[in-house]
Amino acid sequence: MSTHYYGEGNIGSVPEYREFPNGNDEPRRLLRLNVYFDNPVPTKDGFEDRGGFWAPVEIWHRDAEHWKGLYQKGMRVLVEGRAVRDEWEDAEENERVTFKIEARRIGILPYRVESVVLGTKPASSETNESP
């Protein structure tokens, strides 16, 4: 069972990156973020968090290795994807059920970002330059 999910929250820990063998093909790459999705409600003194929750956010992609250096603990992100029921067993073999977000997109919001550095794209070896 899954449903579309769209939410804003903060990354709560250092992103976890893994690679999984895929036979002779390129390995599958996973980047997992632990995100706190808050529920800010306006009050006369600012905002109050009412009923947020933690959820693992997974993004599977060949560029996950590159993105692991981009996302950082404390960053404010906007996540779009689907909420998926995840069944597993704990160390004592008890069945557990949690929900995780399989992300399609994770956008970085400008809150708590100190700086952004843009680099130039490396020149392609296929360019035809005239002498």
C-alpha atoms as a PDB file:
ATOM      1  CA  MET A   1       0.000   0.000   0.000  1.00  0.00           C
ATOM      2  CA  SER A   2       1.312   3.464  -0.840  1.00  0.00           C
ATOM      3  CA  THR A   3       0.013   6.970  -1.186  1.00  0.00           C
ATOM      4  CA  HIS A   4       1.360  10.235  -2.572  1.00  0.00           C
ATOM      5  CA  TYR A   5       3.250  12.281   0.021  1.00  0.00           C
ATOM      6  CA  TYR A   6       4.412  15.894  -0.041  1.00  0.00           C
ATOM      7  CA  GLY A   7       5.981  17.364   3.096  1.00  0.00           C
ATOM      8  CA  GLU A   8       8.509  19.764   4.553  1.00  0.00           C
ATOM      9  CA  GLY A   9      10.913  18.920   7.362  1.00  0.00           C
ATOM     10  CA  ASN A  10      14.446  18.915   8.761  1.00  0.00           C
ATOM     11  CA  ILE A  11      17.138  16.296   8.219  1.00  0.00           C
ATOM     12  CA  GLY A  12      17.848  14.926  11.686  1.00  0.00           C
ATOM     13  CA  SER A  13      21.048  12.941  11.174  1.00  0.00           C
ATOM     14  CA  VAL A  14      23.929  12.495   8.759  1.00  0.00           C
ATOM     15  CA  PRO A  15      22.624  10.919   5.504  1.00  0.00           C
ATOM     16  CA  GLU A  16      23.288   7.188   5.115  1.00  0.00           C
ATOM     17  CA  TYR A  17      24.619   6.005   1.743  1.00  0.00           C
ATOM     18  CA  ARG A  18      24.734   2.365   0.569  1.00  0.00           C
ATOM     19  CA  GLU A  19      25.503   0.456  -2.608  1.00  0.00           C
ATOM     20  CA  PHE A  20      24.004  -2.927  -3.436  1.00  0.00           C
ATOM     21  CA  PRO A  21      25.514  -5.353  -5.966  1.00  0.00           C
ATOM     22  CA  ASN A  22      23.472  -5.755  -9.128  1.00  0.00           C
ATOM     23  CA  GLY A  23      25.133  -8.667 -10.906  1.00  0.00           C
ATOM     24  CA  ASN A  24      27.381  -7.395 -13.693  1.00  0.00           C
ATOM     25  CA  ASP A  25      25.455  -4.140 -13.942  1.00  0.00           C
ATOM     26  CA  GLU A  26      26.194  -0.927 -12.114  1.00  0.00           C
ATOM     27  CA  PRO A  27      25.345  -1.263  -8.386  1.00  0.00           C
ATOM     28  CA  ARG A  28      22.043   0.086  -7.071  1.00  0.00           C
ATOM     29  CA  ARG A  29      22.557   3.131  -4.865  1.00  0.00           C
ATOM     30  CA  LEU A  30      20.480   4.221  -1.873  1.00  0.00           C
ATOM     31  CA  LEU A  31      20.577   7.479   0.040  1.00  0.00           C
ATOM     32  CA  ARG A  32      18.547   7.425   3.261  1.00  0.00           C
ATOM     33  CA  LEU A  33      17.696  10.579   5.192  1.00  0.00           C
ATOM     34  CA  ASN A  34      16.055  10.644   8.618  1.00  0.00           C
ATOM     35  CA  VAL A  35      13.618  13.583   8.412  1.00  0.00           C
ATOM     36  CA  TYR A  36      11.394  15.191  11.051  1.00  0.00           C
ATOM     37  CA  PHE A  37       8.213  16.406   9.350  1.00  0.00           C
ATOM     38  CA  ASP A  38       6.845  19.082  11.623  1.00  0.00           C
ATOM     39  CA  ASN A  39       3.397  20.618  11.891  1.00  0.00           C
ATOM     40  CA  PRO A  40       3.974  24.310  12.628  1.00  0.00           C
ATOM     41  CA  VAL A  41       0.830  26.132  13.760  1.00  0.00           C
ATOM     42  CA  PRO A  42       0.891  29.942  13.934  1.00  0.00           C
ATOM     43  CA  THR A  43       0.504  31.455  17.398  1.00  0.00           C
ATOM     44  CA  LYS A  44       0.695  35.046  18.580  1.00  0.00           C
ATOM     45  CA  ASP A  45       4.337  34.436  19.602  1.00  0.00           C
ATOM     46  CA  GLY A  46       5.425  32.800  16.319  1.00  0.00           C
ATOM     47  CA  PHE A  47       4.913  29.104  15.587  1.00  0.00           C
ATOM     48  CA  GLU A  48       4.289  26.027  17.714  1.00  0.00           C
ATOM     49  CA  ASP A  49       4.978  22.472  16.540  1.00  0.00           C
ATOM     50  CA  ARG A  50       1.892  20.296  16.976  1.00  0.00           C
ATOM     51  CA  GLY A  51       2.214  16.679  16.099  1.00  0.00           C
ATOM     52  CA  GLY A  52       5.218  16.197  13.856  1.00  0.00           C
ATOM     53  CA  PHE A  53       6.758  12.803  13.098  1.00  0.00           C
ATOM     54  CA  TRP A  54      10.045  11.188  12.088  1.00  0.00           C
ATOM     55  CA  ALA A  55      10.240   9.175   8.875  1.00  0.00           C
ATOM     56  CA  PRO A  56      13.041   7.602   6.881  1.00  0.00           C
ATOM     57  CA  VAL A  57      13.251   9.084   3.387  1.00  0.00           C
ATOM     58  CA  GLU A  58      14.845   6.890   0.723  1.00  0.00           C
ATOM     59  CA  ILE A  59      16.022   7.962  -2.685  1.00  0.00           C
ATOM     60  CA  TRP A  60      17.268   5.332  -5.128  1.00  0.00           C
ATOM     61  CA  HIS A  61      19.295   6.690  -7.988  1.00  0.00           C
ATOM     62  CA  ARG A  62      22.611   6.360  -9.701  1.00  0.00           C
ATOM     63  CA  ASP A  63      23.477   9.890  -8.515  1.00  0.00           C
ATOM     64  CA  ALA A  64      22.825   9.073  -4.837  1.00  0.00           C
ATOM     65  CA  GLU A  65      26.588   8.932  -4.270  1.00  0.00           C
ATOM     66  CA  HIS A  66      26.924  12.544  -5.448  1.00  0.00           C
ATOM     67  CA  TRP A  67      23.934  13.702  -3.398  1.00  0.00           C
ATOM     68  CA  LYS A  68      25.253  12.224  -0.141  1.00  0.00           C
ATOM     69  CA  GLY A  69      27.589  15.211   0.124  1.00  0.00           C
ATOM     70  CA  LEU A  70      24.824  17.672  -0.708  1.00  0.00           C
ATOM     71  CA  TYR A  71      22.270  16.890   2.016  1.00  0.00           C
ATOM     72  CA  GLN A  72      23.374  17.683   5.555  1.00  0.00           C
ATOM     73  CA  LYS A  73      22.042  17.303   9.081  1.00  0.00           C
ATOM     74  CA  GLY A  74      19.792  20.232  10.022  1.00  0.00           C
ATOM     75  CA  MET A  75      18.869  21.182   6.442  1.00  0.00           C
ATOM     76  CA  ARG A  76      15.267  22.086   5.692  1.00  0.00           C
ATOM     77  CA  VAL A  77      13.960  19.969   2.789  1.00  0.00           C
ATOM     78  CA  LEU A  78      10.799  19.557   0.771  1.00  0.00           C
ATOM     79  CA  VAL A  79      10.111  15.894  -0.015  1.00  0.00           C
ATOM     80  CA  GLU A  80       7.834  14.586  -2.746  1.00  0.00           C
ATOM     81  CA  GLY A  81       7.244  10.881  -3.120  1.00  0.00           C
ATOM     82  CA  ARG A  82       5.055   8.143  -1.785  1.00  0.00           C
ATOM     83  CA  ALA A  83       4.476   6.834   1.708  1.00  0.00           C
ATOM     84  CA  VAL A  84       5.041   3.083   1.862  1.00  0.00           C
ATOM     85  CA  ARG A  85       4.259   0.618   4.617  1.00  0.00           C
ATOM     86  CA  ASP A  86       7.473  -1.155   5.652  1.00  0.00           C
ATOM     87  CA  GLU A  87       7.272  -4.462   7.548  1.00  0.00           C
ATOM     88  CA  TRP A  88      10.357  -5.859   9.312  1.00  0.00           C
ATOM     89  CA  GLU A  89      11.535  -7.891  12.315  1.00  0.00           C
ATOM     90  CA  ASP A  90      13.518  -6.427  15.198  1.00  0.00           C
ATOM     91  CA  ALA A  91      16.453  -8.125  16.950  1.00  0.00           C
ATOM     92  CA  GLU A  92      14.050 -10.139  19.149  1.00  0.00           C
ATOM     93  CA  GLU A  93      12.142 -11.369  16.071  1.00  0.00           C
ATOM     94  CA  ASN A  94       9.061  -9.249  16.813  1.00  0.00           C
ATOM     95  CA  GLU A  95       7.179  -8.096  13.732  1.00  0.00           C
ATOM     96  CA  ARG A  96       7.271  -4.317  13.302  1.00  0.00           C
ATOM     97  CA  VAL A  97       5.479  -1.979  10.924  1.00  0.00           C
ATOM     98  CA  THR A  98       6.633   1.521  10.063  1.00  0.00           C
ATOM     99  CA  PHE A  99       6.122   3.929   7.202  1.00  0.00           C
ATOM    100  CA  LYS A 100       8.869   5.302   5.019  1.00  0.00           C
ATOM    101  CA  ILE A 101       8.902   7.829   2.195  1.00  0.00           C
ATOM    102  CA  GLU A 102      10.234   6.715  -1.182  1.00  0.00           C
ATOM    103  CA  ALA A 103      11.232  10.086  -2.598  1.00  0.00           C
ATOM    104  CA  ARG A 104      10.948  11.201  -6.203  1.00  0.00           C
ATOM    105  CA  ARG A 105      12.363  14.630  -5.430  1.00  0.00           C
ATOM    106  CA  ILE A 106      14.063  16.227  -2.435  1.00  0.00           C
ATOM    107  CA  GLY A 107      14.383  19.985  -2.649  1.00  0.00           C
ATOM    108  CA  ILE A 108      16.624  22.044  -0.402  1.00  0.00           C
ATOM    109  CA  LEU A 109      14.874  24.997   1.213  1.00  0.00           C
ATOM    110  CA  PRO A 110      16.955  28.107   1.936  1.00  0.00           C
ATOM    111  CA  TYR A 111      16.517  27.961   5.723  1.00  0.00           C
ATOM    112  CA  ARG A 112      19.697  27.159   7.688  1.00  0.00           C
ATOM    113  CA  VAL A 113      21.881  27.146   4.549  1.00  0.00           C
ATOM    114  CA  GLU A 114      25.037  29.179   5.089  1.00  0.00           C
ATOM    115  CA  SER A 115      26.218  29.310   1.482  1.00  0.00           C
ATOM    116  CA  VAL A 116      25.823  27.785  -1.941  1.00  0.00           C
ATOM    117  CA  VAL A 117      28.852  27.266  -4.176  1.00  0.00           C
ATOM    118  CA  LEU A 118      28.334  26.690  -7.869  1.00  0.00           C
ATOM    119  CA  GLY A 119      31.073  25.062  -9.907  1.00  0.00           C
ATOM    120  CA  THR A 120      31.640  24.912 -13.607  1.00  0.00           C
ATOM    121  CA  LYS A 121      30.684  21.787 -15.451  1.00  0.00           C
ATOM    122  CA  PRO A 122      33.722  19.888 -16.752  1.00  0.00           C
ATOM    123  CA  ALA A 123      34.225  20.182 -20.495  1.00  0.00           C
ATOM    124  CA  SER A 124      33.050  17.170 -22.443  1.00  0.00           C
ATOM    125  CA  SER A 125      35.643  15.238 -24.427  1.00  0.00           C
ATOM    126  CA  GLU A 126      33.209  15.164 -27.340  1.00  0.00           C
ATOM    127  CA  THR A 127      33.378  18.904 -28.061  1.00  0.00           C
ATOM    128  CA  ASN A 128      34.643  19.863 -31.502  1.00  0.00           C
ATOM    129  CA  GLU A 129      36.841  22.893 -31.175  1.00  0.00           C
ATOM    130  CA  SER A 130      38.208  24.615 -34.264  1.00  0.00           C
ATOM    131  CA  PRO A 131      41.930  25.391 -34.370  1.00  0.00           C
END
